[in-house]
Amino acid sequence: MTPTPDETWDLRGGTARVFTAGAFTAREGLIRPVLLAGDPGTKAEDLTAAADHPAYSLLAALRGRGHDLVLIALEDPDASLPGNGAVVQRALQRTLAKRQGTRPLAVGGTLGGALAARYTLTSMEYQRIDHRTEVFLSHNAAAPAFEDEADLARLGTMPRMPRNLRLTDGPVSDGLTDTDFDETRTAPPTAPGPLLPESHGSWLLGRLP
């Protein structure tokens, strides 16, 4: 049975499910937010089930450390990269509006969601919009299409403000190299199910703001 979110946000082109760590309800505010975008076309219910998988619950691990989790479902599998990036940006800006205190964000995703989050942060920096993100997390990121790669190069290729973390399950063709990241962790391929394997999740928890 998938857990019930504390709040659900309609993001126009996507949905965010908000799970607080317990200090406040989602309506009262978020303290240590972690935003993760799923692969485009993944339903919110499936993304939630993966985050709370019996083999490893990233949701429980984050809550246990006092982190609020914002899961971003990008609903249209055929949406453009800028379109999906806009969905992530709407989730980020809504998170900042609800944030209590000054803790920075952790923002990222898996597969195409990681690419969308990368586009969001890079685009916001190009526009001189403060995203207040300390950690960017890229898990098994998808490679951009040719036209998107050119657009990212124009914007700056990678976000420059956060610490960029790369998690991979074996070889990944994301169009980047380890030199594009501050830290990289590679784990052997695992059975599908959890949003992140436990070895990645444990490593990540010590690097979040």
C-alpha atoms as a PDB file:
ATOM      1  CA  MET A   1       0.000   0.000   0.000  1.00  0.00           C
ATOM      2  CA  THR A   2       1.510   3.313  -1.078  1.00  0.00           C
ATOM      3  CA  PRO A   3       1.730   6.052   1.551  1.00  0.00           C
ATOM      4  CA  THR A   4      -0.633   9.020   1.432  1.00  0.00           C
ATOM      5  CA  PRO A   5       1.059  12.346   0.689  1.00  0.00           C
ATOM      6  CA  ASP A   6       0.613  15.233   3.085  1.00  0.00           C
ATOM      7  CA  GLU A   7      -0.202  17.452   0.117  1.00  0.00           C
ATOM      8  CA  THR A   8      -0.502  17.139  -3.666  1.00  0.00           C
ATOM      9  CA  TRP A   9       0.357  19.976  -6.034  1.00  0.00           C
ATOM     10  CA  ASP A  10      -0.966  20.410  -9.559  1.00  0.00           C
ATOM     11  CA  LEU A  11       1.998  21.763 -11.540  1.00  0.00           C
ATOM     12  CA  ARG A  12       0.475  22.082 -15.043  1.00  0.00           C
ATOM     13  CA  GLY A  13       2.104  19.232 -16.892  1.00  0.00           C
ATOM     14  CA  GLY A  14       2.972  17.334 -13.733  1.00  0.00           C
ATOM     15  CA  THR A  15       2.084  16.523 -10.166  1.00  0.00           C
ATOM     16  CA  ALA A  16       4.093  16.780  -6.971  1.00  0.00           C
ATOM     17  CA  ARG A  17       3.422  14.633  -3.928  1.00  0.00           C
ATOM     18  CA  VAL A  18       4.734  16.129  -0.698  1.00  0.00           C
ATOM     19  CA  PHE A  19       5.768  13.951   2.251  1.00  0.00           C
ATOM     20  CA  THR A  20       6.864  15.865   5.327  1.00  0.00           C
ATOM     21  CA  ALA A  21       9.241  14.625   7.983  1.00  0.00           C
ATOM     22  CA  GLY A  22       6.723  15.369  10.722  1.00  0.00           C
ATOM     23  CA  ALA A  23       7.831  18.675  12.222  1.00  0.00           C
ATOM     24  CA  PHE A  24       5.145  20.491  10.212  1.00  0.00           C
ATOM     25  CA  THR A  25       2.360  19.525   7.884  1.00  0.00           C
ATOM     26  CA  ALA A  26       2.876  20.469   4.247  1.00  0.00           C
ATOM     27  CA  ARG A  27       0.459  23.364   4.716  1.00  0.00           C
ATOM     28  CA  GLU A  28       2.509  24.715   7.622  1.00  0.00           C
ATOM     29  CA  GLY A  29       5.856  24.539   5.872  1.00  0.00           C
ATOM     30  CA  LEU A  30       8.840  22.480   4.771  1.00  0.00           C
ATOM     31  CA  ILE A  31      12.130  22.369   6.671  1.00  0.00           C
ATOM     32  CA  ARG A  32      14.714  20.273   4.770  1.00  0.00           C
ATOM     33  CA  PRO A  33      13.234  19.675   1.311  1.00  0.00           C
ATOM     34  CA  VAL A  34      14.525  17.095  -1.175  1.00  0.00           C
ATOM     35  CA  LEU A  35      12.945  17.314  -4.653  1.00  0.00           C
ATOM     36  CA  LEU A  36      13.164  14.288  -6.951  1.00  0.00           C
ATOM     37  CA  ALA A  37      11.690  14.088 -10.456  1.00  0.00           C
ATOM     38  CA  GLY A  38      10.763  10.759 -12.002  1.00  0.00           C
ATOM     39  CA  ASP A  39      11.208   9.632 -15.582  1.00  0.00           C
ATOM     40  CA  PRO A  40       8.686  11.400 -17.853  1.00  0.00           C
ATOM     41  CA  GLY A  41       5.502   9.371 -18.184  1.00  0.00           C
ATOM     42  CA  THR A  42       5.855   7.712 -14.758  1.00  0.00           C
ATOM     43  CA  LYS A  43       2.615   8.039 -12.814  1.00  0.00           C
ATOM     44  CA  ALA A  44       2.693   9.668  -9.399  1.00  0.00           C
ATOM     45  CA  GLU A  45       1.421   6.446  -7.802  1.00  0.00           C
ATOM     46  CA  ASP A  46       4.244   4.408  -9.355  1.00  0.00           C
ATOM     47  CA  LEU A  47       6.863   6.984  -8.375  1.00  0.00           C
ATOM     48  CA  THR A  48       5.579   6.918  -4.791  1.00  0.00           C
ATOM     49  CA  ALA A  49       5.646   3.115  -4.713  1.00  0.00           C
ATOM     50  CA  ALA A  50       9.267   3.133  -5.889  1.00  0.00           C
ATOM     51  CA  ALA A  51      10.230   5.703  -3.236  1.00  0.00           C
ATOM     52  CA  ASP A  52       8.637   3.523  -0.541  1.00  0.00           C
ATOM     53  CA  HIS A  53       9.605   0.112  -1.958  1.00  0.00           C
ATOM     54  CA  PRO A  54       9.803  -2.831   0.509  1.00  0.00           C
ATOM     55  CA  ALA A  55      13.375  -3.588  -0.599  1.00  0.00           C
ATOM     56  CA  TYR A  56      14.475  -0.061   0.297  1.00  0.00           C
ATOM     57  CA  SER A  57      12.313   2.895   1.266  1.00  0.00           C
ATOM     58  CA  LEU A  58      14.120   6.106   0.373  1.00  0.00           C
ATOM     59  CA  LEU A  59      11.070   7.936   1.731  1.00  0.00           C
ATOM     60  CA  ALA A  60      11.458   6.380   5.186  1.00  0.00           C
ATOM     61  CA  ALA A  61      15.222   6.955   5.176  1.00  0.00           C
ATOM     62  CA  LEU A  62      14.794  10.641   4.329  1.00  0.00           C
ATOM     63  CA  ARG A  63      12.040  11.156   6.881  1.00  0.00           C
ATOM     64  CA  GLY A  64      14.203   9.453   9.491  1.00  0.00           C
ATOM     65  CA  ARG A  65      16.860  12.131   8.914  1.00  0.00           C
ATOM     66  CA  GLY A  66      14.347  14.980   9.063  1.00  0.00           C
ATOM     67  CA  HIS A  67      14.025  15.567   5.314  1.00  0.00           C
ATOM     68  CA  ASP A  68      10.792  16.420   3.527  1.00  0.00           C
ATOM     69  CA  LEU A  69      10.396  14.679   0.165  1.00  0.00           C
ATOM     70  CA  VAL A  70       8.750  16.274  -2.872  1.00  0.00           C
ATOM     71  CA  LEU A  71       8.218  13.671  -5.612  1.00  0.00           C
ATOM     72  CA  ILE A  72       7.647  15.223  -9.037  1.00  0.00           C
ATOM     73  CA  ALA A  73       5.746  13.169 -11.616  1.00  0.00           C
ATOM     74  CA  LEU A  74       6.289  14.459 -15.161  1.00  0.00           C
ATOM     75  CA  GLU A  75       3.044  13.328 -16.719  1.00  0.00           C
ATOM     76  CA  ASP A  76       3.692  13.688 -20.458  1.00  0.00           C
ATOM     77  CA  PRO A  77       6.245  11.200 -21.833  1.00  0.00           C
ATOM     78  CA  ASP A  78       6.459  13.257 -25.040  1.00  0.00           C
ATOM     79  CA  ALA A  79       6.913  16.696 -23.472  1.00  0.00           C
ATOM     80  CA  SER A  80       9.942  18.748 -24.490  1.00  0.00           C
ATOM     81  CA  LEU A  81      12.905  19.133 -22.156  1.00  0.00           C
ATOM     82  CA  PRO A  82      12.072  22.830 -21.558  1.00  0.00           C
ATOM     83  CA  GLY A  83       8.486  21.783 -20.827  1.00  0.00           C
ATOM     84  CA  ASN A  84       9.541  19.216 -18.240  1.00  0.00           C
ATOM     85  CA  GLY A  85      12.080  21.662 -16.855  1.00  0.00           C
ATOM     86  CA  ALA A  86       9.277  24.166 -16.342  1.00  0.00           C
ATOM     87  CA  VAL A  87       7.336  21.583 -14.312  1.00  0.00           C
ATOM     88  CA  VAL A  88      10.351  21.011 -12.054  1.00  0.00           C
ATOM     89  CA  GLN A  89      10.833  24.768 -11.708  1.00  0.00           C
ATOM     90  CA  ARG A  90       7.218  25.217 -10.629  1.00  0.00           C
ATOM     91  CA  ALA A  91       7.731  22.545  -7.953  1.00  0.00           C
ATOM     92  CA  LEU A  92      10.973  24.194  -6.829  1.00  0.00           C
ATOM     93  CA  GLN A  93       9.452  27.652  -6.546  1.00  0.00           C
ATOM     94  CA  ARG A  94       6.427  26.324  -4.671  1.00  0.00           C
ATOM     95  CA  THR A  95       8.782  24.514  -2.286  1.00  0.00           C
ATOM     96  CA  LEU A  96      10.685  27.735  -1.633  1.00  0.00           C
ATOM     97  CA  ALA A  97       7.409  29.534  -0.956  1.00  0.00           C
ATOM     98  CA  LYS A  98       6.551  26.919   1.690  1.00  0.00           C
ATOM     99  CA  ARG A  99      10.025  26.584   3.179  1.00  0.00           C
ATOM    100  CA  GLN A 100      10.426  27.483   6.845  1.00  0.00           C
ATOM    101  CA  GLY A 101      13.886  28.768   7.737  1.00  0.00           C
ATOM    102  CA  THR A 102      16.883  29.032   5.436  1.00  0.00           C
ATOM    103  CA  ARG A 103      17.893  25.417   4.743  1.00  0.00           C
ATOM    104  CA  PRO A 104      18.949  25.031   1.091  1.00  0.00           C
ATOM    105  CA  LEU A 105      17.312  22.494  -1.207  1.00  0.00           C
ATOM    106  CA  ALA A 106      18.464  19.239  -2.726  1.00  0.00           C
ATOM    107  CA  VAL A 107      17.077  18.836  -6.252  1.00  0.00           C
ATOM    108  CA  GLY A 108      17.461  16.021  -8.763  1.00  0.00           C
ATOM    109  CA  GLY A 109      15.852  12.996 -10.270  1.00  0.00           C
ATOM    110  CA  THR A 110      16.244   9.735 -12.062  1.00  0.00           C
ATOM    111  CA  LEU A 111      16.523   9.005 -15.803  1.00  0.00           C
ATOM    112  CA  GLY A 112      14.690  11.740 -17.761  1.00  0.00           C
ATOM    113  CA  GLY A 113      13.734  13.385 -14.478  1.00  0.00           C
ATOM    114  CA  ALA A 114      17.406  13.950 -13.693  1.00  0.00           C
ATOM    115  CA  LEU A 115      17.850  15.592 -17.082  1.00  0.00           C
ATOM    116  CA  ALA A 116      14.808  17.822 -16.467  1.00  0.00           C
ATOM    117  CA  ALA A 117      16.146  18.872 -13.046  1.00  0.00           C
ATOM    118  CA  ARG A 118      19.545  19.626 -14.585  1.00  0.00           C
ATOM    119  CA  TYR A 119      17.853  21.799 -17.210  1.00  0.00           C
ATOM    120  CA  THR A 120      15.832  23.612 -14.525  1.00  0.00           C
ATOM    121  CA  LEU A 121      18.806  24.562 -12.374  1.00  0.00           C
ATOM    122  CA  THR A 122      21.003  25.495 -15.336  1.00  0.00           C
ATOM    123  CA  SER A 123      18.246  27.605 -16.888  1.00  0.00           C
ATOM    124  CA  MET A 124      17.477  29.389 -13.616  1.00  0.00           C
ATOM    125  CA  GLU A 125      21.150  30.265 -13.159  1.00  0.00           C
ATOM    126  CA  TYR A 126      21.299  31.568 -16.727  1.00  0.00           C
ATOM    127  CA  GLN A 127      18.315  33.808 -15.922  1.00  0.00           C
ATOM    128  CA  ARG A 128      19.943  34.811 -12.603  1.00  0.00           C
ATOM    129  CA  ILE A 129      17.098  33.291 -10.582  1.00  0.00           C
ATOM    130  CA  ASP A 130      18.267  32.072  -7.179  1.00  0.00           C
ATOM    131  CA  HIS A 131      17.228  28.422  -6.886  1.00  0.00           C
ATOM    132  CA  ARG A 132      18.733  28.111  -3.394  1.00  0.00           C
ATOM    133  CA  THR A 133      19.866  24.571  -4.142  1.00  0.00           C
ATOM    134  CA  GLU A 134      22.940  23.152  -2.452  1.00  0.00           C
ATOM    135  CA  VAL A 135      22.915  19.646  -3.968  1.00  0.00           C
ATOM    136  CA  PHE A 136      21.994  18.486  -7.476  1.00  0.00           C
ATOM    137  CA  LEU A 137      21.431  14.720  -7.700  1.00  0.00           C
ATOM    138  CA  SER A 138      21.592  12.896 -11.027  1.00  0.00           C
ATOM    139  CA  HIS A 139      20.661   9.186 -10.981  1.00  0.00           C
ATOM    140  CA  ASN A 140      21.049   7.224 -14.225  1.00  0.00           C
ATOM    141  CA  ALA A 141      20.316  10.402 -16.167  1.00  0.00           C
ATOM    142  CA  ALA A 142      19.055  10.303 -19.720  1.00  0.00           C
ATOM    143  CA  ALA A 143      21.176  11.918 -22.430  1.00  0.00           C
ATOM    144  CA  PRO A 144      19.703  15.058 -24.033  1.00  0.00           C
ATOM    145  CA  ALA A 145      18.561  15.014 -27.628  1.00  0.00           C
ATOM    146  CA  PHE A 146      20.788  16.874 -30.076  1.00  0.00           C
ATOM    147  CA  GLU A 147      18.740  20.075 -30.012  1.00  0.00           C
ATOM    148  CA  ASP A 148      18.451  19.935 -26.228  1.00  0.00           C
ATOM    149  CA  GLU A 149      22.196  19.430 -25.873  1.00  0.00           C
ATOM    150  CA  ALA A 150      22.766  22.612 -27.866  1.00  0.00           C
ATOM    151  CA  ASP A 151      20.271  24.453 -25.657  1.00  0.00           C
ATOM    152  CA  LEU A 152      21.967  23.216 -22.487  1.00  0.00           C
ATOM    153  CA  ALA A 153      25.359  24.266 -23.856  1.00  0.00           C
ATOM    154  CA  ARG A 154      23.953  27.764 -24.423  1.00  0.00           C
ATOM    155  CA  LEU A 155      22.637  27.871 -20.859  1.00  0.00           C
ATOM    156  CA  GLY A 156      25.844  26.559 -19.314  1.00  0.00           C
ATOM    157  CA  THR A 157      25.671  22.729 -19.629  1.00  0.00           C
ATOM    158  CA  MET A 158      25.554  22.075 -15.880  1.00  0.00           C
ATOM    159  CA  PRO A 159      24.387  24.000 -12.801  1.00  0.00           C
ATOM    160  CA  ARG A 160      27.340  25.810 -11.225  1.00  0.00           C
ATOM    161  CA  MET A 161      25.989  26.776  -7.802  1.00  0.00           C
ATOM    162  CA  PRO A 162      25.144  23.399  -6.218  1.00  0.00           C
ATOM    163  CA  ARG A 163      27.388  20.448  -5.454  1.00  0.00           C
ATOM    164  CA  ASN A 164      26.714  18.041  -8.309  1.00  0.00           C
ATOM    165  CA  LEU A 165      26.362  14.361  -7.391  1.00  0.00           C
ATOM    166  CA  ARG A 166      26.187  11.541  -9.920  1.00  0.00           C
ATOM    167  CA  LEU A 167      24.742   8.123  -9.069  1.00  0.00           C
ATOM    168  CA  THR A 168      24.799   5.343 -11.639  1.00  0.00           C
ATOM    169  CA  ASP A 169      23.782   1.701 -11.699  1.00  0.00           C
ATOM    170  CA  GLY A 170      26.468   0.435 -14.033  1.00  0.00           C
ATOM    171  CA  PRO A 171      27.287   2.187 -17.342  1.00  0.00           C
ATOM    172  CA  VAL A 172      25.109   5.205 -18.143  1.00  0.00           C
ATOM    173  CA  SER A 173      25.060   7.274 -21.331  1.00  0.00           C
ATOM    174  CA  ASP A 174      24.064  10.689 -20.009  1.00  0.00           C
ATOM    175  CA  GLY A 175      26.367  12.674 -22.293  1.00  0.00           C
ATOM    176  CA  LEU A 176      28.529  13.701 -19.302  1.00  0.00           C
ATOM    177  CA  THR A 177      31.725  12.537 -17.620  1.00  0.00           C
ATOM    178  CA  ASP A 178      32.818  12.275 -14.002  1.00  0.00           C
ATOM    179  CA  THR A 179      34.644  15.605 -14.385  1.00  0.00           C
ATOM    180  CA  ASP A 180      31.241  17.300 -14.718  1.00  0.00           C
ATOM    181  CA  PHE A 181      30.407  16.249 -11.160  1.00  0.00           C
ATOM    182  CA  ASP A 182      31.863  16.885  -7.727  1.00  0.00           C
ATOM    183  CA  GLU A 183      31.320  13.270  -6.700  1.00  0.00           C
ATOM    184  CA  THR A 184      30.336  10.117  -8.558  1.00  0.00           C
ATOM    185  CA  ARG A 185      29.170   6.815  -7.156  1.00  0.00           C
ATOM    186  CA  THR A 186      28.652   3.716  -9.299  1.00  0.00           C
ATOM    187  CA  ALA A 187      26.866   0.631  -8.021  1.00  0.00           C
ATOM    188  CA  PRO A 188      26.303  -2.715  -9.773  1.00  0.00           C
ATOM    189  CA  PRO A 189      22.967  -3.015 -11.578  1.00  0.00           C
ATOM    190  CA  THR A 190      20.205  -4.149  -9.242  1.00  0.00           C
ATOM    191  CA  ALA A 191      16.727  -5.579  -9.686  1.00  0.00           C
ATOM    192  CA  PRO A 192      14.177  -2.905 -10.628  1.00  0.00           C
ATOM    193  CA  GLY A 193      11.902  -1.675  -7.894  1.00  0.00           C
ATOM    194  CA  PRO A 194      13.290   0.907  -5.460  1.00  0.00           C
ATOM    195  CA  LEU A 195      13.715   4.470  -6.676  1.00  0.00           C
ATOM    196  CA  LEU A 196      17.331   4.214  -5.488  1.00  0.00           C
ATOM    197  CA  PRO A 197      19.156   1.091  -4.311  1.00  0.00           C
ATOM    198  CA  GLU A 198      20.001   1.101  -0.624  1.00  0.00           C
ATOM    199  CA  SER A 199      23.739   1.536  -1.230  1.00  0.00           C
ATOM    200  CA  HIS A 200      23.066   4.741  -3.178  1.00  0.00           C
ATOM    201  CA  GLY A 201      20.523   5.968  -0.648  1.00  0.00           C
ATOM    202  CA  SER A 202      22.866   5.486   2.302  1.00  0.00           C
ATOM    203  CA  TRP A 203      25.646   7.311   0.459  1.00  0.00           C
ATOM    204  CA  LEU A 204      23.349  10.162  -0.473  1.00  0.00           C
ATOM    205  CA  LEU A 205      21.947  10.741   3.013  1.00  0.00           C
ATOM    206  CA  GLY A 206      25.334  11.884   4.297  1.00  0.00           C
ATOM    207  CA  ARG A 207      25.621  14.472   1.529  1.00  0.00           C
ATOM    208  CA  LEU A 208      22.285  16.257   1.772  1.00  0.00           C
ATOM    209  CA  PRO A 209      21.948  19.743   3.288  1.00  0.00           C
END
